[in-house]
């Protein structure tokens, strides 16, 4: 089993735990933790997809010939997407936590059951 398989399985497991936590919990903070776990799992999956064993930077020079580049070079796009997703996930989590604080100030609880009048 390669390291990329282990990392991919770990990312998928974190995504599954996060989705399960979001769907089964009734507390807003626990739902936010599940959302963060799912986001972290997706970042790990994105990085695992771009991993190349014994890979090198995608710079064609004396160390990497044009013929070896497709097999040995690491694709930089998944890493850039993961960094972007981390920044966006941080901003979304901050907005959700701010919203949770406002909900707590309004109802003095973070249970979803107290917000039934907000439903359609």
PDB file of N, CA and C in Angstrom:
ATOM      1  N   UNK A   1       0.848  -1.171   0.000  1.00  0.00           N
ATOM      2  CA  UNK A   1       0.000   0.000   0.000  1.00  0.00           C
ATOM      3  C   UNK A   1       0.900   1.241   0.000  1.00  0.00           C
ATOM      4  N   UNK A   2       0.628   2.149  -0.895  1.00  0.00           N
ATOM      5  CA  UNK A   2       1.452   3.356  -1.001  1.00  0.00           C
ATOM      6  C   UNK A   2       0.976   4.433  -0.033  1.00  0.00           C
ATOM      7  N   UNK A   3       1.834   5.417   0.153  1.00  0.00           N
ATOM      8  CA  UNK A   3       1.494   6.511   1.067  1.00  0.00           C
ATOM      9  C   UNK A   3       0.315   7.327   0.545  1.00  0.00           C
ATOM     10  N   UNK A   4       0.206   7.457  -0.779  1.00  0.00           N
ATOM     11  CA  UNK A   4      -0.911   8.237  -1.315  1.00  0.00           C
ATOM     12  C   UNK A   4      -2.246   7.538  -1.060  1.00  0.00           C
ATOM     13  N   UNK A   5      -2.241   6.207  -1.041  1.00  0.00           N
ATOM     14  CA  UNK A   5      -3.464   5.468  -0.731  1.00  0.00           C
ATOM     15  C   UNK A   5      -3.873   5.679   0.717  1.00  0.00           C
ATOM     16  N   UNK A   6      -2.894   5.678   1.617  1.00  0.00           N
ATOM     17  CA  UNK A   6      -3.183   5.895   3.042  1.00  0.00           C
ATOM     18  C   UNK A   6      -3.707   7.312   3.264  1.00  0.00           C
ATOM     19  N   UNK A   7      -3.072   8.281   2.626  1.00  0.00           N
ATOM     20  CA  UNK A   7      -3.503   9.673   2.783  1.00  0.00           C
ATOM     21  C   UNK A   7      -4.894   9.867   2.188  1.00  0.00           C
ATOM     22  N   UNK A   8      -5.150   9.264   1.036  1.00  0.00           N
ATOM     23  CA  UNK A   8      -6.463   9.366   0.416  1.00  0.00           C
ATOM     24  C   UNK A   8      -7.535   8.732   1.294  1.00  0.00           C
ATOM     25  N   UNK A   9      -7.243   7.564   1.857  1.00  0.00           N
ATOM     26  CA  UNK A   9      -8.206   6.897   2.745  1.00  0.00           C
ATOM     27  C   UNK A   9      -8.445   7.729   4.007  1.00  0.00           C
ATOM     28  N   UNK A  10      -7.399   8.351   4.533  1.00  0.00           N
ATOM     29  CA  UNK A  10      -7.555   9.205   5.711  1.00  0.00           C
ATOM     30  C   UNK A  10      -8.434  10.414   5.398  1.00  0.00           C
ATOM     31  N   UNK A  11      -8.213  11.032   4.253  1.00  0.00           N
ATOM     32  CA  UNK A  11      -9.032  12.168   3.854  1.00  0.00           C
ATOM     33  C   UNK A  11     -10.482  11.791   3.664  1.00  0.00           C
ATOM     34  N   UNK A  12     -10.713  10.654   3.017  1.00  0.00           N
ATOM     35  CA  UNK A  12     -12.097  10.202   2.821  1.00  0.00           C
ATOM     36  C   UNK A  12     -12.764   9.852   4.151  1.00  0.00           C
ATOM     37  N   UNK A  13     -11.990   9.266   5.077  1.00  0.00           N
ATOM     38  CA  UNK A  13     -12.544   8.951   6.398  1.00  0.00           C
ATOM     39  C   UNK A  13     -12.913  10.227   7.150  1.00  0.00           C
ATOM     40  N   UNK A  14     -12.062  11.245   7.077  1.00  0.00           N
ATOM     41  CA  UNK A  14     -12.384  12.516   7.730  1.00  0.00           C
ATOM     42  C   UNK A  14     -13.617  13.165   7.117  1.00  0.00           C
ATOM     43  N   UNK A  15     -13.735  13.087   5.796  1.00  0.00           N
ATOM     44  CA  UNK A  15     -14.933  13.628   5.147  1.00  0.00           C
ATOM     45  C   UNK A  15     -16.181  12.882   5.611  1.00  0.00           C
ATOM     46  N   UNK A  16     -16.087  11.565   5.712  1.00  0.00           N
ATOM     47  CA  UNK A  16     -17.225  10.763   6.159  1.00  0.00           C
ATOM     48  C   UNK A  16     -17.602  11.072   7.608  1.00  0.00           C
ATOM     49  N   UNK A  17     -16.606  11.220   8.469  1.00  0.00           N
ATOM     50  CA  UNK A  17     -16.871  11.571   9.867  1.00  0.00           C
ATOM     51  C   UNK A  17     -17.521  12.950   9.950  1.00  0.00           C
ATOM     52  N   UNK A  18     -17.028  13.897   9.154  1.00  0.00           N
ATOM     53  CA  UNK A  18     -17.614  15.240   9.159  1.00  0.00           C
ATOM     54  C   UNK A  18     -19.048  15.254   8.683  1.00  0.00           C
ATOM     55  N   UNK A  19     -19.335  14.527   7.606  1.00  0.00           N
ATOM     56  CA  UNK A  19     -20.714  14.464   7.096  1.00  0.00           C
ATOM     57  C   UNK A  19     -21.626  13.798   8.120  1.00  0.00           C
ATOM     58  N   UNK A  20     -21.145  12.715   8.727  1.00  0.00           N
ATOM     59  CA  UNK A  20     -21.938  12.022   9.759  1.00  0.00           C
ATOM     60  C   UNK A  20     -22.199  12.958  10.940  1.00  0.00           C
ATOM     61  N   UNK A  21     -21.185  13.719  11.342  1.00  0.00           N
ATOM     62  CA  UNK A  21     -21.359  14.662  12.445  1.00  0.00           C
ATOM     63  C   UNK A  21     -22.334  15.771  12.118  1.00  0.00           C
ATOM     64  N   UNK A  22     -22.306  16.259  10.892  1.00  0.00           N
ATOM     65  CA  UNK A  22     -23.234  17.323  10.510  1.00  0.00           C
ATOM     66  C   UNK A  22     -24.672  16.826  10.459  1.00  0.00           C
ATOM     67  N   UNK A  23     -24.858  15.585  10.054  1.00  0.00           N
ATOM     68  CA  UNK A  23     -26.223  15.077   9.896  1.00  0.00           C
ATOM     69  C   UNK A  23     -26.832  14.543  11.187  1.00  0.00           C
ATOM     70  N   UNK A  24     -26.016  14.135  12.141  1.00  0.00           N
ATOM     71  CA  UNK A  24     -26.566  13.488  13.337  1.00  0.00           C
ATOM     72  C   UNK A  24     -26.625  14.397  14.564  1.00  0.00           C
ATOM     73  N   UNK A  25     -25.888  15.490  14.580  1.00  0.00           N
ATOM     74  CA  UNK A  25     -25.829  16.328  15.776  1.00  0.00           C
ATOM     75  C   UNK A  25     -26.938  17.382  15.767  1.00  0.00           C
ATOM     76  N   UNK A  26     -27.332  17.809  16.952  1.00  0.00           N
ATOM     77  CA  UNK A  26     -28.366  18.826  17.102  1.00  0.00           C
ATOM     78  C   UNK A  26     -27.807  20.134  17.663  1.00  0.00           C
ATOM     79  N   UNK A  27     -26.517  20.154  18.017  1.00  0.00           N
ATOM     80  CA  UNK A  27     -25.878  21.348  18.552  1.00  0.00           C
ATOM     81  C   UNK A  27     -25.133  22.057  17.421  1.00  0.00           C
ATOM     82  N   UNK A  28     -25.267  23.365  17.351  1.00  0.00           N
ATOM     83  CA  UNK A  28     -24.697  24.120  16.233  1.00  0.00           C
ATOM     84  C   UNK A  28     -23.174  24.048  16.229  1.00  0.00           C
ATOM     85  N   UNK A  29     -22.536  24.109  17.395  1.00  0.00           N
ATOM     86  CA  UNK A  29     -21.077  24.033  17.426  1.00  0.00           C
ATOM     87  C   UNK A  29     -20.573  22.664  16.957  1.00  0.00           C
ATOM     88  N   UNK A  30     -21.265  21.614  17.312  1.00  0.00           N
ATOM     89  CA  UNK A  30     -20.866  20.278  16.835  1.00  0.00           C
ATOM     90  C   UNK A  30     -21.054  20.152  15.330  1.00  0.00           C
ATOM     91  N   UNK A  31     -22.069  20.791  14.803  1.00  0.00           N
ATOM     92  CA  UNK A  31     -22.267  20.803  13.349  1.00  0.00           C
ATOM     93  C   UNK A  31     -21.128  21.562  12.677  1.00  0.00           C
ATOM     94  N   UNK A  32     -20.701  22.670  13.281  1.00  0.00           N
ATOM     95  CA  UNK A  32     -19.575  23.426  12.741  1.00  0.00           C
ATOM     96  C   UNK A  32     -18.281  22.615  12.784  1.00  0.00           C
ATOM     97  N   UNK A  33     -18.087  21.845  13.836  1.00  0.00           N
ATOM     98  CA  UNK A  33     -16.905  20.974  13.918  1.00  0.00           C
ATOM     99  C   UNK A  33     -16.965  19.916  12.826  1.00  0.00           C
ATOM    100  N   UNK A  34     -18.144  19.353  12.589  1.00  0.00           N
ATOM    101  CA  UNK A  34     -18.306  18.383  11.499  1.00  0.00           C
ATOM    102  C   UNK A  34     -18.017  19.010  10.147  1.00  0.00           C
ATOM    103  N   UNK A  35     -18.455  20.257   9.959  1.00  0.00           N
ATOM    104  CA  UNK A  35     -18.173  20.964   8.714  1.00  0.00           C
ATOM    105  C   UNK A  35     -16.672  21.172   8.533  1.00  0.00           C
ATOM    106  N   UNK A  36     -15.985  21.534   9.612  1.00  0.00           N
ATOM    107  CA  UNK A  36     -14.540  21.737   9.536  1.00  0.00           C
ATOM    108  C   UNK A  36     -13.804  20.428   9.251  1.00  0.00           C
ATOM    109  N   UNK A  37     -14.262  19.337   9.865  1.00  0.00           N
ATOM    110  CA  UNK A  37     -13.660  18.032   9.580  1.00  0.00           C
ATOM    111  C   UNK A  37     -13.853  17.637   8.124  1.00  0.00           C
ATOM    112  N   UNK A  38     -15.029  17.892   7.599  1.00  0.00           N
ATOM    113  CA  UNK A  38     -15.278  17.573   6.198  1.00  0.00           C
ATOM    114  C   UNK A  38     -14.379  18.415   5.289  1.00  0.00           C
ATOM    115  N   UNK A  39     -14.208  19.681   5.612  1.00  0.00           N
ATOM    116  CA  UNK A  39     -13.330  20.540   4.829  1.00  0.00           C
ATOM    117  C   UNK A  39     -11.878  20.097   4.887  1.00  0.00           C
ATOM    118  N   UNK A  40     -11.420  19.721   6.076  1.00  0.00           N
ATOM    119  CA  UNK A  40     -10.052  19.229   6.218  1.00  0.00           C
ATOM    120  C   UNK A  40      -9.850  17.938   5.437  1.00  0.00           C
ATOM    121  N   UNK A  41     -10.834  17.059   5.475  1.00  0.00           N
ATOM    122  CA  UNK A  41     -10.749  15.824   4.693  1.00  0.00           C
ATOM    123  C   UNK A  41     -10.671  16.102   3.209  1.00  0.00           C
ATOM    124  N   UNK A  42     -11.436  17.090   2.751  1.00  0.00           N
ATOM    125  CA  UNK A  42     -11.384  17.417   1.312  1.00  0.00           C
ATOM    126  C   UNK A  42     -10.033  18.011   0.933  1.00  0.00           C
ATOM    127  N   UNK A  43      -9.411  18.780   1.827  1.00  0.00           N
ATOM    128  CA  UNK A  43      -8.072  19.303   1.549  1.00  0.00           C
ATOM    129  C   UNK A  43      -7.066  18.165   1.437  1.00  0.00           C
ATOM    130  N   UNK A  44      -7.164  17.192   2.332  1.00  0.00           N
ATOM    131  CA  UNK A  44      -6.246  16.052   2.297  1.00  0.00           C
ATOM    132  C   UNK A  44      -6.455  15.238   1.027  1.00  0.00           C
ATOM    133  N   UNK A  45      -7.696  15.065   0.608  1.00  0.00           N
ATOM    134  CA  UNK A  45      -7.968  14.316  -0.629  1.00  0.00           C
ATOM    135  C   UNK A  45      -7.385  15.052  -1.840  1.00  0.00           C
ATOM    136  N   UNK A  46      -7.523  16.367  -1.874  1.00  0.00           N
ATOM    137  CA  UNK A  46      -6.973  17.139  -2.987  1.00  0.00           C
ATOM    138  C   UNK A  46      -5.454  16.989  -3.045  1.00  0.00           C
ATOM    139  N   UNK A  47      -4.793  17.043  -1.897  1.00  0.00           N
ATOM    140  CA  UNK A  47      -3.338  16.887  -1.854  1.00  0.00           C
ATOM    141  C   UNK A  47      -2.945  15.463  -2.252  1.00  0.00           C
ATOM    142  N   UNK A  48      -3.700  14.471  -1.796  1.00  0.00           N
ATOM    143  CA  UNK A  48      -3.372  13.075  -2.132  1.00  0.00           C
ATOM    144  C   UNK A  48      -3.520  12.801  -3.621  1.00  0.00           C
ATOM    145  N   UNK A  49      -4.453  13.471  -4.262  1.00  0.00           N
ATOM    146  CA  UNK A  49      -4.630  13.272  -5.703  1.00  0.00           C
ATOM    147  C   UNK A  49      -3.419  13.795  -6.471  1.00  0.00           C
ATOM    148  N   UNK A  50      -2.826  14.883  -6.011  1.00  0.00           N
ATOM    149  CA  UNK A  50      -1.693  15.467  -6.711  1.00  0.00           C
ATOM    150  C   UNK A  50      -0.345  14.887  -6.338  1.00  0.00           C
ATOM    151  N   UNK A  51      -0.308  13.921  -5.410  1.00  0.00           N
ATOM    152  CA  UNK A  51       0.959  13.355  -4.948  1.00  0.00           C
ATOM    153  C   UNK A  51       1.561  12.430  -5.995  1.00  0.00           C
ATOM    154  N   UNK A  52       2.864  12.535  -6.192  1.00  0.00           N
ATOM    155  CA  UNK A  52       3.615  11.642  -7.077  1.00  0.00           C
ATOM    156  C   UNK A  52       4.793  11.103  -6.275  1.00  0.00           C
ATOM    157  N   UNK A  53       4.906   9.784  -6.155  1.00  0.00           N
ATOM    158  CA  UNK A  53       6.008   9.182  -5.400  1.00  0.00           C
ATOM    159  C   UNK A  53       7.335   9.520  -6.065  1.00  0.00           C
ATOM    160  N   UNK A  54       8.272   9.983  -5.265  1.00  0.00           N
ATOM    161  CA  UNK A  54       9.599  10.381  -5.738  1.00  0.00           C
ATOM    162  C   UNK A  54       9.492  11.450  -6.827  1.00  0.00           C
ATOM    163  N   UNK A  55       8.502  12.299  -6.712  1.00  0.00           N
ATOM    164  CA  UNK A  55       8.286  13.348  -7.696  1.00  0.00           C
ATOM    165  C   UNK A  55       9.216  14.525  -7.485  1.00  0.00           C
ATOM    166  N   UNK A  56       9.298  15.352  -8.474  1.00  0.00           N
ATOM    167  CA  UNK A  56      10.140  16.537  -8.430  1.00  0.00           C
ATOM    168  C   UNK A  56       9.338  17.739  -8.913  1.00  0.00           C
ATOM    169  N   UNK A  57       9.898  18.896  -8.727  1.00  0.00           N
ATOM    170  CA  UNK A  57       9.227  20.121  -9.160  1.00  0.00           C
ATOM    171  C   UNK A  57       9.064  20.114 -10.675  1.00  0.00           C
ATOM    172  N   UNK A  58       7.988  20.674 -11.187  1.00  0.00           N
ATOM    173  CA  UNK A  58       7.757  20.649 -12.638  1.00  0.00           C
ATOM    174  C   UNK A  58       8.575  21.696 -13.396  1.00  0.00           C
ATOM    175  N   UNK A  59       9.883  21.633 -13.221  1.00  0.00           N
ATOM    176  CA  UNK A  59      10.797  22.541 -13.908  1.00  0.00           C
ATOM    177  C   UNK A  59      11.685  21.697 -14.807  1.00  0.00           C
ATOM    178  N   UNK A  60      11.620  21.940 -16.083  1.00  0.00           N
ATOM    179  CA  UNK A  60      12.387  21.149 -17.042  1.00  0.00           C
ATOM    180  C   UNK A  60      13.799  21.730 -17.110  1.00  0.00           C
ATOM    181  N   UNK A  61      14.765  20.957 -16.631  1.00  0.00           N
ATOM    182  CA  UNK A  61      16.161  21.355 -16.679  1.00  0.00           C
ATOM    183  C   UNK A  61      17.012  20.096 -16.773  1.00  0.00           C
ATOM    184  N   UNK A  62      18.249  20.157 -16.294  1.00  0.00           N
ATOM    185  CA  UNK A  62      19.141  18.993 -16.390  1.00  0.00           C
ATOM    186  C   UNK A  62      18.655  17.839 -15.509  1.00  0.00           C
ATOM    187  N   UNK A  63      17.985  18.131 -14.408  1.00  0.00           N
ATOM    188  CA  UNK A  63      17.511  17.075 -13.512  1.00  0.00           C
ATOM    189  C   UNK A  63      16.238  16.401 -13.988  1.00  0.00           C
ATOM    190  N   UNK A  64      15.489  17.033 -14.872  1.00  0.00           N
ATOM    191  CA  UNK A  64      14.224  16.492 -15.357  1.00  0.00           C
ATOM    192  C   UNK A  64      14.123  16.738 -16.857  1.00  0.00           C
ATOM    193  N   UNK A  65      14.176  15.656 -17.610  1.00  0.00           N
ATOM    194  CA  UNK A  65      14.095  15.805 -19.062  1.00  0.00           C
ATOM    195  C   UNK A  65      12.642  15.930 -19.486  1.00  0.00           C
ATOM    196  N   UNK A  66      12.448  16.343 -20.715  1.00  0.00           N
ATOM    197  CA  UNK A  66      11.099  16.523 -21.246  1.00  0.00           C
ATOM    198  C   UNK A  66      10.360  15.194 -21.333  1.00  0.00           C
ATOM    199  N   UNK A  67      11.079  14.108 -21.582  1.00  0.00           N
ATOM    200  CA  UNK A  67      10.449  12.788 -21.696  1.00  0.00           C
ATOM    201  C   UNK A  67      10.007  12.257 -20.333  1.00  0.00           C
ATOM    202  N   UNK A  68      10.754  12.588 -19.258  1.00  0.00           N
ATOM    203  CA  UNK A  68      10.415  12.104 -17.917  1.00  0.00           C
ATOM    204  C   UNK A  68       9.421  13.001 -17.187  1.00  0.00           C
ATOM    205  N   UNK A  69       9.159  14.174 -17.693  1.00  0.00           N
ATOM    206  CA  UNK A  69       8.323  15.151 -16.984  1.00  0.00           C
ATOM    207  C   UNK A  69       6.918  14.656 -16.668  1.00  0.00           C
ATOM    208  N   UNK A  70       6.189  14.001 -17.593  1.00  0.00           N
ATOM    209  CA  UNK A  70       4.836  13.565 -17.231  1.00  0.00           C
ATOM    210  C   UNK A  70       4.790  12.529 -16.116  1.00  0.00           C
ATOM    211  N   UNK A  71       5.816  11.704 -15.998  1.00  0.00           N
ATOM    212  CA  UNK A  71       5.804  10.638 -14.989  1.00  0.00           C
ATOM    213  C   UNK A  71       6.405  11.070 -13.662  1.00  0.00           C
ATOM    214  N   UNK A  72       7.347  12.009 -13.663  1.00  0.00           N
ATOM    215  CA  UNK A  72       8.069  12.339 -12.438  1.00  0.00           C
ATOM    216  C   UNK A  72       7.725  13.689 -11.832  1.00  0.00           C
ATOM    217  N   UNK A  73       7.095  14.569 -12.573  1.00  0.00           N
ATOM    218  CA  UNK A  73       6.843  15.895 -12.025  1.00  0.00           C
ATOM    219  C   UNK A  73       5.534  15.924 -11.239  1.00  0.00           C
ATOM    220  N   UNK A  74       5.525  16.736 -10.217  1.00  0.00           N
ATOM    221  CA  UNK A  74       4.353  16.897  -9.355  1.00  0.00           C
ATOM    222  C   UNK A  74       3.482  17.999  -9.929  1.00  0.00           C
ATOM    223  N   UNK A  75       2.190  17.749 -10.010  1.00  0.00           N
ATOM    224  CA  UNK A  75       1.256  18.748 -10.526  1.00  0.00           C
ATOM    225  C   UNK A  75       1.021  19.815  -9.452  1.00  0.00           C
ATOM    226  N   UNK A  76       1.311  21.092  -9.728  1.00  0.00           N
ATOM    227  CA  UNK A  76       1.143  22.127  -8.706  1.00  0.00           C
ATOM    228  C   UNK A  76      -0.303  22.594  -8.531  1.00  0.00           C
ATOM    229  N   UNK A  77      -1.190  22.236  -9.441  1.00  0.00           N
ATOM    230  CA  UNK A  77      -2.576  22.713  -9.374  1.00  0.00           C
ATOM    231  C   UNK A  77      -3.294  22.210  -8.111  1.00  0.00           C
ATOM    232  N   UNK A  78      -3.221  20.913  -7.733  1.00  0.00           N
ATOM    233  CA  UNK A  78      -3.910  20.493  -6.500  1.00  0.00           C
ATOM    234  C   UNK A  78      -3.417  21.216  -5.254  1.00  0.00           C
ATOM    235  N   UNK A  79      -2.134  21.508  -5.177  1.00  0.00           N
ATOM    236  CA  UNK A  79      -1.620  22.238  -4.016  1.00  0.00           C
ATOM    237  C   UNK A  79      -2.175  23.657  -3.975  1.00  0.00           C
ATOM    238  N   UNK A  80      -2.235  24.301  -5.120  1.00  0.00           N
ATOM    239  CA  UNK A  80      -2.796  25.650  -5.168  1.00  0.00           C
ATOM    240  C   UNK A  80      -4.283  25.637  -4.831  1.00  0.00           C
ATOM    241  N   UNK A  81      -5.000  24.638  -5.308  1.00  0.00           N
ATOM    242  CA  UNK A  81      -6.423  24.522  -4.972  1.00  0.00           C
ATOM    243  C   UNK A  81      -6.625  24.271  -3.486  1.00  0.00           C
ATOM    244  N   UNK A  82      -5.753  23.456  -2.886  1.00  0.00           N
ATOM    245  CA  UNK A  82      -5.875  23.167  -1.452  1.00  0.00           C
ATOM    246  C   UNK A  82      -5.632  24.420  -0.623  1.00  0.00           C
ATOM    247  N   UNK A  83      -4.636  25.210  -0.985  1.00  0.00           N
ATOM    248  CA  UNK A  83      -4.371  26.453  -0.249  1.00  0.00           C
ATOM    249  C   UNK A  83      -5.561  27.404  -0.368  1.00  0.00           C
ATOM    250  N   UNK A  84      -6.105  27.512  -1.566  1.00  0.00           N
ATOM    251  CA  UNK A  84      -7.276  28.355  -1.774  1.00  0.00           C
ATOM    252  C   UNK A  84      -8.467  27.844  -0.969  1.00  0.00           C
ATOM    253  N   UNK A  85      -8.665  26.528  -0.957  1.00  0.00           N
ATOM    254  CA  UNK A  85      -9.778  25.947  -0.201  1.00  0.00           C
ATOM    255  C   UNK A  85      -9.606  26.143   1.301  1.00  0.00           C
ATOM    256  N   UNK A  86      -8.378  26.113   1.784  1.00  0.00           N
ATOM    257  CA  UNK A  86      -8.134  26.341   3.212  1.00  0.00           C
ATOM    258  C   UNK A  86      -8.512  27.768   3.588  1.00  0.00           C
ATOM    259  N   UNK A  87      -8.131  28.734   2.781  1.00  0.00           N
ATOM    260  CA  UNK A  87      -8.455  30.139   3.062  1.00  0.00           C
ATOM    261  C   UNK A  87      -9.966  30.366   3.014  1.00  0.00           C
ATOM    262  N   UNK A  88     -10.620  29.814   2.005  1.00  0.00           N
ATOM    263  CA  UNK A  88     -12.070  29.968   1.889  1.00  0.00           C
ATOM    264  C   UNK A  88     -12.772  29.263   3.045  1.00  0.00           C
ATOM    265  N   UNK A  89     -12.304  28.067   3.403  1.00  0.00           N
ATOM    266  CA  UNK A  89     -12.890  27.341   4.530  1.00  0.00           C
ATOM    267  C   UNK A  89     -12.739  28.091   5.838  1.00  0.00           C
ATOM    268  N   UNK A  90     -11.600  28.745   6.039  1.00  0.00           N
ATOM    269  CA  UNK A  90     -11.400  29.550   7.237  1.00  0.00           C
ATOM    270  C   UNK A  90     -12.398  30.706   7.291  1.00  0.00           C
ATOM    271  N   UNK A  91     -12.596  31.368   6.173  1.00  0.00           N
ATOM    272  CA  UNK A  91     -13.540  32.492   6.137  1.00  0.00           C
ATOM    273  C   UNK A  91     -14.969  32.022   6.382  1.00  0.00           C
ATOM    274  N   UNK A  92     -15.353  30.912   5.781  1.00  0.00           N
ATOM    275  CA  UNK A  92     -16.705  30.387   5.974  1.00  0.00           C
ATOM    276  C   UNK A  92     -16.913  29.955   7.421  1.00  0.00           C
ATOM    277  N   UNK A  93     -15.907  29.333   8.011  1.00  0.00           N
ATOM    278  CA  UNK A  93     -16.009  28.922   9.416  1.00  0.00           C
ATOM    279  C   UNK A  93     -16.129  30.139  10.328  1.00  0.00           C
ATOM    280  N   UNK A  94     -15.396  31.201  10.037  1.00  0.00           N
ATOM    281  CA  UNK A  94     -15.490  32.416  10.844  1.00  0.00           C
ATOM    282  C   UNK A  94     -16.886  33.023  10.760  1.00  0.00           C
ATOM    283  N   UNK A  95     -17.467  33.038   9.563  1.00  0.00           N
ATOM    284  CA  UNK A  95     -18.829  33.577   9.402  1.00  0.00           C
ATOM    285  C   UNK A  95     -19.832  32.688  10.139  1.00  0.00           C
ATOM    286  N   UNK A  96     -19.669  31.369  10.047  1.00  0.00           N
ATOM    287  CA  UNK A  96     -20.596  30.467  10.745  1.00  0.00           C
ATOM    288  C   UNK A  96     -20.481  30.617  12.260  1.00  0.00           C
ATOM    289  N   UNK A  97     -19.261  30.807  12.781  1.00  0.00           N
ATOM    290  CA  UNK A  97     -19.102  31.011  14.216  1.00  0.00           C
ATOM    291  C   UNK A  97     -19.710  32.342  14.658  1.00  0.00           C
ATOM    292  N   UNK A  98     -19.572  33.366  13.844  1.00  0.00           N
ATOM    293  CA  UNK A  98     -20.199  34.654  14.163  1.00  0.00           C
ATOM    294  C   UNK A  98     -21.716  34.519  14.181  1.00  0.00           C
ATOM    295  N   UNK A  99     -22.247  33.771  13.236  1.00  0.00           N
ATOM    296  CA  UNK A  99     -23.687  33.529  13.197  1.00  0.00           C
ATOM    297  C   UNK A  99     -24.131  32.717  14.414  1.00  0.00           C
ATOM    298  N   UNK A 100     -23.321  31.745  14.833  1.00  0.00           N
ATOM    299  CA  UNK A 100     -23.653  30.952  16.023  1.00  0.00           C
ATOM    300  C   UNK A 100     -23.662  31.823  17.275  1.00  0.00           C
ATOM    301  N   UNK A 101     -22.751  32.767  17.356  1.00  0.00           N
ATOM    302  CA  UNK A 101     -22.729  33.687  18.500  1.00  0.00           C
ATOM    303  C   UNK A 101     -24.005  34.525  18.524  1.00  0.00           C
ATOM    304  N   UNK A 102     -24.418  35.014  17.357  1.00  0.00           N
ATOM    305  CA  UNK A 102     -25.659  35.804  17.293  1.00  0.00           C
ATOM    306  C   UNK A 102     -26.875  34.961  17.673  1.00  0.00           C
ATOM    307  N   UNK A 103     -26.901  33.705  17.230  1.00  0.00           N
ATOM    308  CA  UNK A 103     -28.007  32.826  17.606  1.00  0.00           C
ATOM    309  C   UNK A 103     -28.021  32.564  19.102  1.00  0.00           C
ATOM    310  N   UNK A 104     -26.844  32.394  19.699  1.00  0.00           N
ATOM    311  CA  UNK A 104     -26.780  32.163  21.146  1.00  0.00           C
ATOM    312  C   UNK A 104     -27.240  33.400  21.911  1.00  0.00           C
ATOM    313  N   UNK A 105     -26.867  34.571  21.437  1.00  0.00           N
ATOM    314  CA  UNK A 105     -27.317  35.794  22.111  1.00  0.00           C
ATOM    315  C   UNK A 105     -28.830  35.958  22.019  1.00  0.00           C
ATOM    316  N   UNK A 106     -29.433  35.471  20.943  1.00  0.00           N
ATOM    317  CA  UNK A 106     -30.876  35.626  20.769  1.00  0.00           C
ATOM    318  C   UNK A 106     -31.666  34.619  21.601  1.00  0.00           C
ATOM    319  N   UNK A 107     -31.211  33.359  21.657  1.00  0.00           N
ATOM    320  CA  UNK A 107     -31.996  32.304  22.308  1.00  0.00           C
ATOM    321  C   UNK A 107     -31.347  31.707  23.554  1.00  0.00           C
ATOM    322  N   UNK A 108     -30.098  32.057  23.866  1.00  0.00           N
ATOM    323  CA  UNK A 108     -29.357  31.513  25.014  1.00  0.00           C
ATOM    324  C   UNK A 108     -29.178  29.997  24.925  1.00  0.00           C
ATOM    325  N   UNK A 109     -29.206  29.460  23.731  1.00  0.00           N
ATOM    326  CA  UNK A 109     -28.947  28.040  23.508  1.00  0.00           C
ATOM    327  C   UNK A 109     -28.415  27.858  22.092  1.00  0.00           C
ATOM    328  N   UNK A 110     -27.724  26.753  21.866  1.00  0.00           N
ATOM    329  CA  UNK A 110     -27.221  26.434  20.537  1.00  0.00           C
ATOM    330  C   UNK A 110     -27.865  25.179  19.964  1.00  0.00           C
ATOM    331  N   UNK A 111     -28.946  24.737  20.584  1.00  0.00           N
ATOM    332  CA  UNK A 111     -29.666  23.582  20.080  1.00  0.00           C
ATOM    333  C   UNK A 111     -30.541  23.987  18.902  1.00  0.00           C
ATOM    334  N   UNK A 112     -30.534  23.175  17.872  1.00  0.00           N
ATOM    335  CA  UNK A 112     -31.342  23.473  16.683  1.00  0.00           C
ATOM    336  C   UNK A 112     -32.826  23.424  17.010  1.00  0.00           C
ATOM    337  N   UNK A 113     -33.211  22.641  17.990  1.00  0.00           N
ATOM    338  CA  UNK A 113     -34.617  22.507  18.348  1.00  0.00           C
ATOM    339  C   UNK A 113     -35.221  23.826  18.829  1.00  0.00           C
ATOM    340  N   UNK A 114     -34.403  24.742  19.323  1.00  0.00           N
ATOM    341  CA  UNK A 114     -34.925  26.028  19.803  1.00  0.00           C
ATOM    342  C   UNK A 114     -35.225  26.995  18.662  1.00  0.00           C
ATOM    343  N   UNK A 115     -34.802  26.660  17.464  1.00  0.00           N
ATOM    344  CA  UNK A 115     -34.976  27.564  16.325  1.00  0.00           C
ATOM    345  C   UNK A 115     -36.013  27.034  15.342  1.00  0.00           C
ATOM    346  N   UNK A 116     -37.078  26.449  15.846  1.00  0.00           N
ATOM    347  CA  UNK A 116     -38.097  25.878  14.954  1.00  0.00           C
ATOM    348  C   UNK A 116     -38.909  26.945  14.228  1.00  0.00           C
ATOM    349  N   UNK A 117     -39.022  28.152  14.794  1.00  0.00           N
ATOM    350  CA  UNK A 117     -39.781  29.192  14.113  1.00  0.00           C
ATOM    351  C   UNK A 117     -39.047  29.751  12.907  1.00  0.00           C
ATOM    352  N   UNK A 118     -37.770  29.418  12.773  1.00  0.00           N
ATOM    353  CA  UNK A 118     -36.990  29.866  11.613  1.00  0.00           C
ATOM    354  C   UNK A 118     -37.203  28.984  10.391  1.00  0.00           C
ATOM    355  N   UNK A 119     -37.904  27.864  10.575  1.00  0.00           N
ATOM    356  CA  UNK A 119     -38.136  26.959   9.434  1.00  0.00           C
ATOM    357  C   UNK A 119     -39.178  27.549   8.514  1.00  0.00           C
ATOM    358  N   UNK A 120     -39.274  27.023   7.312  1.00  0.00           N
ATOM    359  CA  UNK A 120     -40.228  27.508   6.338  1.00  0.00           C
ATOM    360  C   UNK A 120     -41.558  27.063   6.769  1.00  0.00           C
TER     361      UNK A 120
END
